[in-house]
Protein backbone atom coordinates (compact mmCIF):
# COMPACT_ATOMS: atom_id res chain seq x y z
CA MET A 1 118.41 -98.85 -42.24
CA VAL A 2 117.45 -102.09 -44.01
CA LYS A 3 118.50 -104.17 -40.99
CA ARG A 4 116.45 -101.96 -38.67
CA GLN A 5 113.40 -102.24 -40.91
CA GLN A 6 113.77 -106.02 -41.08
CA SER A 7 114.14 -106.17 -37.30
CA LYS A 8 110.97 -104.13 -36.88
CA LYS A 9 109.10 -106.38 -39.32
CA HIS A 10 110.39 -109.44 -37.45
CA THR A 11 109.17 -108.05 -34.12
CA LYS A 12 105.79 -107.03 -35.54
CA ALA A 13 105.39 -110.47 -37.10
CA GLN A 14 105.95 -112.08 -33.70
CA GLN A 15 103.51 -109.68 -32.01
CA ARG A 16 100.92 -110.24 -34.73
CA ARG A 17 101.17 -114.02 -34.39
CA LYS A 18 100.85 -113.83 -30.59
CA PHE A 19 97.87 -111.50 -30.87
CA ALA A 20 96.23 -113.70 -33.51
CA SER A 21 96.68 -116.70 -31.22
CA ARG A 22 94.83 -114.90 -28.44
CA ARG A 23 91.94 -114.18 -30.78
CA MET A 24 91.65 -117.84 -31.81
CA ILE A 25 90.98 -118.91 -28.24
CA SER A 26 87.37 -119.91 -27.67
CA ASN A 27 85.87 -120.70 -24.27
CA PRO A 28 88.53 -122.88 -22.62
CA GLN A 29 86.42 -123.85 -19.61
CA ALA A 30 88.94 -125.63 -17.38
CA ALA A 31 92.00 -124.54 -19.36
CA THR A 32 93.87 -121.36 -18.56
CA GLN A 33 94.59 -118.55 -21.01
CA LYS A 34 98.34 -119.02 -20.66
CA ARG A 35 98.12 -122.74 -21.33
CA LEU A 36 96.06 -122.14 -24.46
CA GLU A 37 98.45 -119.53 -25.79
CA GLU A 38 101.31 -121.98 -25.33
CA LEU A 39 99.29 -124.70 -27.03
CA LEU A 40 98.43 -122.52 -30.01
CA SER A 41 102.12 -121.99 -30.71
CA THR A 42 102.21 -125.73 -31.47
CA LEU A 43 99.25 -125.65 -33.87
CA PRO A 44 101.45 -125.50 -37.02
CA PHE A 45 103.05 -128.80 -35.94
CA LEU A 46 99.78 -130.56 -36.76
CA ALA A 47 100.47 -129.95 -40.46
CA PHE A 48 103.29 -132.51 -40.13
CA SER A 49 101.43 -135.02 -37.96
CA GLU A 50 100.30 -138.38 -39.30
CA ARG A 51 96.69 -137.22 -39.24
CA PHE A 52 97.29 -134.11 -41.38
CA GLU A 53 100.51 -134.83 -43.29
CA ASP A 54 98.54 -135.35 -46.53
CA LEU A 55 96.73 -132.00 -46.19
CA LYS A 56 97.99 -129.68 -48.94
CA PHE A 57 96.78 -127.13 -51.43
CA ASP A 58 96.87 -127.80 -55.17
CA ILE A 59 100.61 -127.84 -55.91
CA GLN A 60 100.19 -126.71 -59.53
CA ALA A 61 97.94 -123.82 -58.50
CA VAL A 62 100.51 -122.67 -55.94
CA LYS A 63 103.32 -122.96 -58.49
CA GLU A 64 101.40 -120.97 -61.11
CA GLY A 65 100.46 -118.30 -58.57
CA LEU A 66 104.07 -117.87 -57.48
CA GLU A 67 105.32 -117.77 -61.08
CA ALA A 68 102.73 -115.06 -61.80
CA GLU A 69 104.14 -113.13 -58.81
CA THR A 70 100.76 -113.06 -57.11
CA PRO A 71 101.18 -111.58 -53.61
CA GLU A 72 101.28 -114.55 -51.25
CA PRO A 73 98.41 -113.48 -48.97
CA LEU A 74 96.21 -113.01 -52.04
CA LEU A 75 97.33 -116.37 -53.45
CA LEU A 76 96.44 -118.04 -50.17
CA MET A 77 93.03 -116.34 -50.12
CA ARG A 78 92.35 -117.70 -53.62
CA LEU A 79 93.40 -121.18 -52.56
CA LEU A 80 90.89 -121.08 -49.68
CA THR A 81 87.96 -122.26 -51.74
CA GLU A 82 84.67 -123.28 -50.17
CA GLU A 83 85.54 -126.90 -50.95
CA PHE A 84 88.89 -126.68 -49.17
CA LEU A 85 87.46 -124.92 -46.11
CA GLU A 86 84.63 -127.46 -45.80
CA GLY A 87 87.10 -130.33 -45.95
CA PHE A 88 89.44 -128.57 -43.52
CA ARG A 89 86.63 -128.03 -41.05
CA ALA A 90 85.37 -131.61 -41.38
CA ARG A 91 88.80 -132.97 -40.52
CA PHE A 92 89.07 -130.79 -37.42
CA GLU A 93 85.55 -131.69 -36.30
CA GLU A 94 86.54 -135.36 -36.57
CA PHE A 95 89.77 -134.56 -34.73
CA GLU A 96 87.79 -132.92 -31.93
CA ARG A 97 85.43 -135.91 -31.61
CA GLU A 98 88.27 -138.41 -31.46
CA THR A 99 90.37 -136.63 -28.84
CA THR A 100 89.93 -136.60 -25.09
CA PRO A 101 88.01 -133.51 -23.89
CA GLN A 102 90.35 -130.75 -22.65
CA SER A 103 93.42 -132.61 -23.91
CA PRO A 104 95.97 -130.50 -25.85
CA ASP A 105 94.83 -131.89 -29.22
CA ASN A 106 91.18 -131.39 -28.30
CA LEU A 107 91.79 -127.74 -27.37
CA LEU A 108 93.70 -127.14 -30.62
CA ALA A 109 90.79 -128.59 -32.57
CA LYS A 110 88.31 -126.38 -30.69
CA ALA A 111 90.42 -123.25 -31.28
CA THR A 112 90.67 -123.98 -35.01
CA ILE A 113 86.92 -124.54 -35.33
CA HIS A 114 86.35 -121.34 -33.35
CA GLN A 115 88.43 -119.40 -35.89
CA LEU A 116 86.52 -120.95 -38.81
CA ASP A 117 83.22 -119.96 -37.15
CA HIS A 118 84.40 -116.37 -36.63
CA SER A 119 86.26 -115.65 -39.88
CA ASN A 120 84.52 -112.26 -40.14
CA GLU A 121 86.46 -111.26 -37.03
CA ILE A 122 89.49 -113.56 -37.23
CA PRO A 123 90.62 -113.91 -40.87
CA HIS A 124 91.62 -117.34 -42.14
CA LEU A 125 95.06 -115.94 -42.90
CA SER A 126 95.67 -115.53 -39.15
CA ASN A 127 95.18 -119.26 -38.61
CA PRO A 128 98.74 -120.65 -38.29
CA MET A 129 97.63 -124.14 -39.33
CA ILE A 130 96.27 -122.84 -42.65
CA VAL A 131 99.44 -120.83 -43.29
CA ALA A 132 101.59 -123.84 -42.36
CA VAL A 133 99.74 -126.00 -44.90
CA TYR A 134 100.33 -123.31 -47.54
CA LEU A 135 104.05 -123.06 -46.72
CA LYS A 136 104.37 -126.85 -46.81
CA THR A 137 102.78 -126.85 -50.28
CA ARG A 138 104.87 -123.87 -51.40
CA ALA A 139 108.13 -125.62 -50.54
CA GLU A 140 107.08 -128.61 -52.62
CA ALA A 141 105.92 -126.43 -55.53
CA LEU A 142 109.28 -124.62 -55.60
CA GLY A 143 111.28 -127.83 -55.27
CA GLU A 144 112.73 -126.67 -51.96
CA GLU A 145 113.67 -128.82 -49.00
CA ALA A 146 110.53 -130.09 -47.31
CA LEU A 147 109.47 -128.19 -44.20
CA THR A 148 109.37 -130.00 -40.87
CA ARG A 149 108.20 -129.40 -37.31
CA GLU A 150 111.67 -128.04 -36.61
CA THR A 151 111.65 -125.50 -39.47
CA ILE A 152 108.01 -124.40 -39.70
CA HIS A 153 108.23 -121.55 -37.16
CA ASP A 154 111.12 -119.93 -39.03
CA ALA A 155 109.18 -120.35 -42.28
CA LEU A 156 106.09 -118.75 -40.72
CA ASN A 157 108.11 -115.79 -39.53
CA ASP A 158 109.78 -115.35 -42.93
CA TYR A 159 106.34 -115.43 -44.57
CA GLU A 160 105.01 -112.73 -42.25
CA VAL A 161 108.08 -110.53 -42.68
CA ARG A 162 108.06 -110.61 -46.49
CA ASN A 163 104.30 -110.01 -46.59
CA SER A 164 103.98 -107.66 -43.62
CA GLU A 165 102.32 -104.75 -45.45
CA LEU A 166 99.59 -106.87 -47.02
CA ILE A 167 98.98 -108.88 -43.86
CA GLU A 168 98.51 -105.64 -41.93
CA LEU A 169 96.11 -104.36 -44.59
CA ILE A 170 94.11 -107.59 -44.50
CA SER A 171 93.88 -107.59 -40.70
CA GLU A 172 92.23 -104.15 -40.74
CA SER A 173 89.02 -105.34 -42.44
CA PRO A 174 88.48 -109.10 -41.98
CA SER A 175 84.72 -108.82 -42.56
CA GLU A 176 85.31 -107.52 -46.10
CA LEU A 177 87.47 -110.40 -47.24
CA ILE A 178 86.38 -112.70 -50.04
CA TYR A 179 87.99 -116.12 -50.37
CA GLY A 180 88.29 -118.40 -53.36
CA PRO A 181 89.10 -117.60 -57.04
CA GLU A 182 87.46 -114.14 -56.85
CA ALA A 183 89.46 -113.06 -53.81
CA LYS A 184 90.61 -109.47 -53.60
CA ILE A 185 92.31 -107.49 -50.88
CA PRO A 186 90.29 -104.46 -49.68
CA GLY A 187 91.99 -101.13 -50.26
CA SER A 188 94.44 -102.43 -52.82
CA ALA A 189 94.74 -101.86 -56.55
CA ASP A 190 94.34 -104.90 -58.80
CA SER A 191 94.38 -107.07 -55.68
CA GLY A 192 97.95 -106.05 -54.92
CA ILE A 193 99.41 -103.20 -52.94
CA GLU A 194 98.32 -99.81 -54.17
CA GLU A 195 101.27 -98.20 -55.89
CA GLU A 196 101.84 -94.49 -55.69
CA ALA A 197 104.58 -92.27 -56.98
CA THR A 198 107.09 -91.76 -54.19
CA THR A 199 109.61 -89.04 -53.59
CA ASP A 200 112.75 -89.28 -51.51
CA SER A 201 110.85 -87.87 -48.56
CA ASP A 202 108.06 -90.44 -49.04
CA SER A 203 110.50 -93.33 -48.94
CA LYS A 204 112.02 -92.30 -45.63
CA GLU A 205 111.08 -94.43 -42.68
CA VAL A 206 108.16 -92.96 -40.74
CA VAL A 207 109.04 -92.87 -37.07
CA ARG A 208 106.06 -93.14 -34.74
CA VAL A 209 106.36 -91.15 -31.54
CA PRO A 210 105.89 -93.52 -28.57
CA PRO A 211 102.70 -92.73 -26.60
CA ILE A 212 104.71 -92.65 -23.39
CA SER A 213 108.38 -93.01 -22.52
CA GLU A 214 110.00 -96.33 -21.65
CA GLU A 215 111.33 -94.69 -18.49
CA VAL A 216 107.81 -94.00 -17.20
CA LEU A 217 106.78 -97.57 -18.00
CA ALA A 218 109.83 -98.98 -16.22
CA ASP A 219 109.22 -96.81 -13.14
CA PHE A 220 105.56 -97.87 -13.07
CA ARG A 221 106.52 -101.54 -13.25
CA GLU A 222 109.08 -101.16 -10.46
CA SER A 223 106.50 -99.47 -8.24
CA LEU A 224 104.41 -102.64 -8.14
CA ASP A 225 105.03 -105.41 -5.63
CA TRP A 226 103.52 -108.07 -7.88
CA SER A 227 104.43 -111.63 -8.78
CA GLU A 228 106.34 -112.32 -11.99
CA GLU A 229 103.20 -113.86 -13.48
CA ASP A 230 101.15 -110.73 -12.75
CA LEU A 231 103.91 -108.48 -14.10
CA SER A 232 104.12 -110.58 -17.25
CA ARG A 233 100.37 -110.18 -17.78
CA LEU A 234 100.72 -106.45 -17.14
CA ASP A 235 103.40 -106.24 -19.84
CA GLU A 236 101.15 -108.07 -22.30
CA ASP A 237 98.14 -105.85 -21.59
CA LEU A 238 100.11 -102.61 -21.90
CA GLU A 239 101.69 -103.91 -25.11
CA VAL A 240 98.22 -104.41 -26.58
CA PHE A 241 97.20 -100.88 -25.58
CA LEU A 242 100.40 -99.04 -26.55
CA ASP A 243 101.59 -101.07 -29.56
CA ASP A 244 98.48 -102.63 -31.08
CA PHE A 245 95.85 -99.99 -30.31
CA GLN A 246 98.43 -97.23 -30.87
CA PRO A 247 96.95 -94.33 -28.88
CA PRO A 248 98.29 -90.78 -29.32
CA VAL A 249 100.85 -89.38 -26.89
CA TYR A 250 99.67 -89.58 -23.27
CA GLN A 251 99.04 -85.82 -23.05
CA GLU A 252 96.15 -86.34 -25.50
CA TRP A 253 94.48 -89.24 -23.72
CA THR A 254 90.89 -88.83 -22.55
CA PRO A 255 88.40 -91.00 -20.63
CA ASP A 256 86.53 -91.53 -23.91
CA LEU A 257 89.72 -92.86 -25.52
CA ILE A 258 90.15 -95.41 -22.72
CA ASP A 259 86.49 -96.43 -23.01
CA GLU A 260 86.84 -96.80 -26.78
CA PHE A 261 89.91 -99.00 -26.34
CA ILE A 262 88.39 -101.32 -23.73
CA ASN A 263 84.71 -101.44 -24.69
CA GLU A 264 85.10 -101.36 -28.47
CA TRP A 265 88.59 -102.00 -29.87
CA PHE A 266 89.76 -104.63 -27.38
CA VAL A 267 86.47 -106.51 -27.47
CA ARG A 268 86.40 -106.45 -31.28
CA GLU A 269 90.05 -107.22 -32.00
CA ALA A 270 91.00 -109.56 -29.15
CA ASN A 271 87.73 -111.47 -28.71
CA PRO A 272 88.64 -111.60 -24.99
CA LEU A 273 87.51 -114.03 -22.35
CA GLU A 274 86.04 -112.60 -19.15
CA GLU A 275 89.37 -113.08 -17.39
CA ASP A 276 91.17 -111.23 -20.22
CA LEU A 277 88.80 -108.29 -19.91
CA ALA A 278 89.15 -108.26 -16.12
CA SER A 279 92.94 -108.33 -16.43
CA MET A 280 92.98 -105.48 -18.95
CA ARG A 281 90.65 -103.32 -16.85
CA LYS A 282 92.66 -103.95 -13.69
CA ASN A 283 96.01 -103.20 -15.32
CA MET A 284 94.76 -100.09 -17.10
CA LEU A 285 93.30 -98.85 -13.81
CA TYR A 286 96.64 -99.24 -12.01
CA PHE A 287 98.46 -97.67 -14.94
CA LEU A 288 96.21 -94.59 -15.05
CA ARG A 289 96.29 -94.31 -11.27
CA TYR A 290 100.10 -94.23 -11.38
CA LEU A 291 100.08 -91.55 -14.09
CA ARG A 292 97.71 -89.46 -11.95
CA GLU A 293 100.01 -89.80 -8.93
CA LYS A 294 102.91 -88.57 -11.06
CA SER A 295 100.80 -85.68 -12.43
CA LEU A 296 101.09 -87.11 -15.94
CA LEU A 297 97.41 -87.78 -16.52
CA PRO A 298 95.56 -85.01 -18.43
CA SER A 299 93.23 -82.90 -16.29
CA CYS A 300 90.17 -84.09 -18.24
CA PHE A 301 90.29 -87.32 -16.22
CA GLY A 302 89.52 -85.39 -13.02
CA ASP A 303 89.13 -87.54 -9.92
CA THR A 304 86.93 -90.17 -11.53
CA ARG A 305 87.91 -93.21 -13.51
CA PRO A 306 86.70 -93.89 -17.10
CA ALA A 307 83.33 -95.67 -17.25
CA SER A 308 84.97 -98.79 -18.68
CA LEU A 309 87.06 -99.14 -15.51
CA GLU A 310 84.19 -98.84 -13.02
CA GLY A 311 84.26 -101.86 -10.75
CA ALA A 312 87.78 -102.87 -11.77
CA ALA A 313 89.74 -104.39 -8.90
């Protein structure tokens, strides 16, 4: 049971990091979405570059916070003072100015500044560079072996796994977050996780019923004569809908639900580019069309497509 829970947390941590990376992407102009996503996976490496190797949080403050058993996401929020964020931004603005437009480093600088400008939608704790700087400082505060480019991704994943519940709570209401010494986590007691008396039944793992079977998804995928690149994008889009949005079982889907997902949730949570929105609309249209052909789509859809899919290719 413990191994299965850890595996689930590991998978969710990877999905959350990939989704957060998508949201950090600003307008790439000549760059492609795929290239930017690949670039953003290298963002934590900057914490160990010559330009940023001296960037750390207050080591004593980190040590005291850990000794006080302050939840790590809350500790990080308290470390993100206005002074730190201003200095962090200034360094990335300088980085952007000194790099060649559309070069990898220039795009990483733009993406980081974009996140800082949209922290009400993309919390600072989803910025892998900020978390990498914290983990680098944490290792030093605890007297552990210094992190490196080679070990930072494992450290990031371990951080997300051990703090998964709080990170999920934080991601639900980014606009309510307060940073600095007065930081608190919305919906938690005493800025920690709300504790409630649990019974044996409460402590059992809650199993979420999949919205639709893997068999149906596999059959749908096999029915398409698409390139591997298009199929990969299809997988990503359906993962966002089925795993991140978490709709009810397919028998309960309605046109309004699809419109809510595309026009509200996806726009709010993914901060999509035009090409992302076009891809999602296209793939959802093909998916719903397949379900209709297999008589799996609820009758409320009728013969018309949801308003959010009008004009989709």
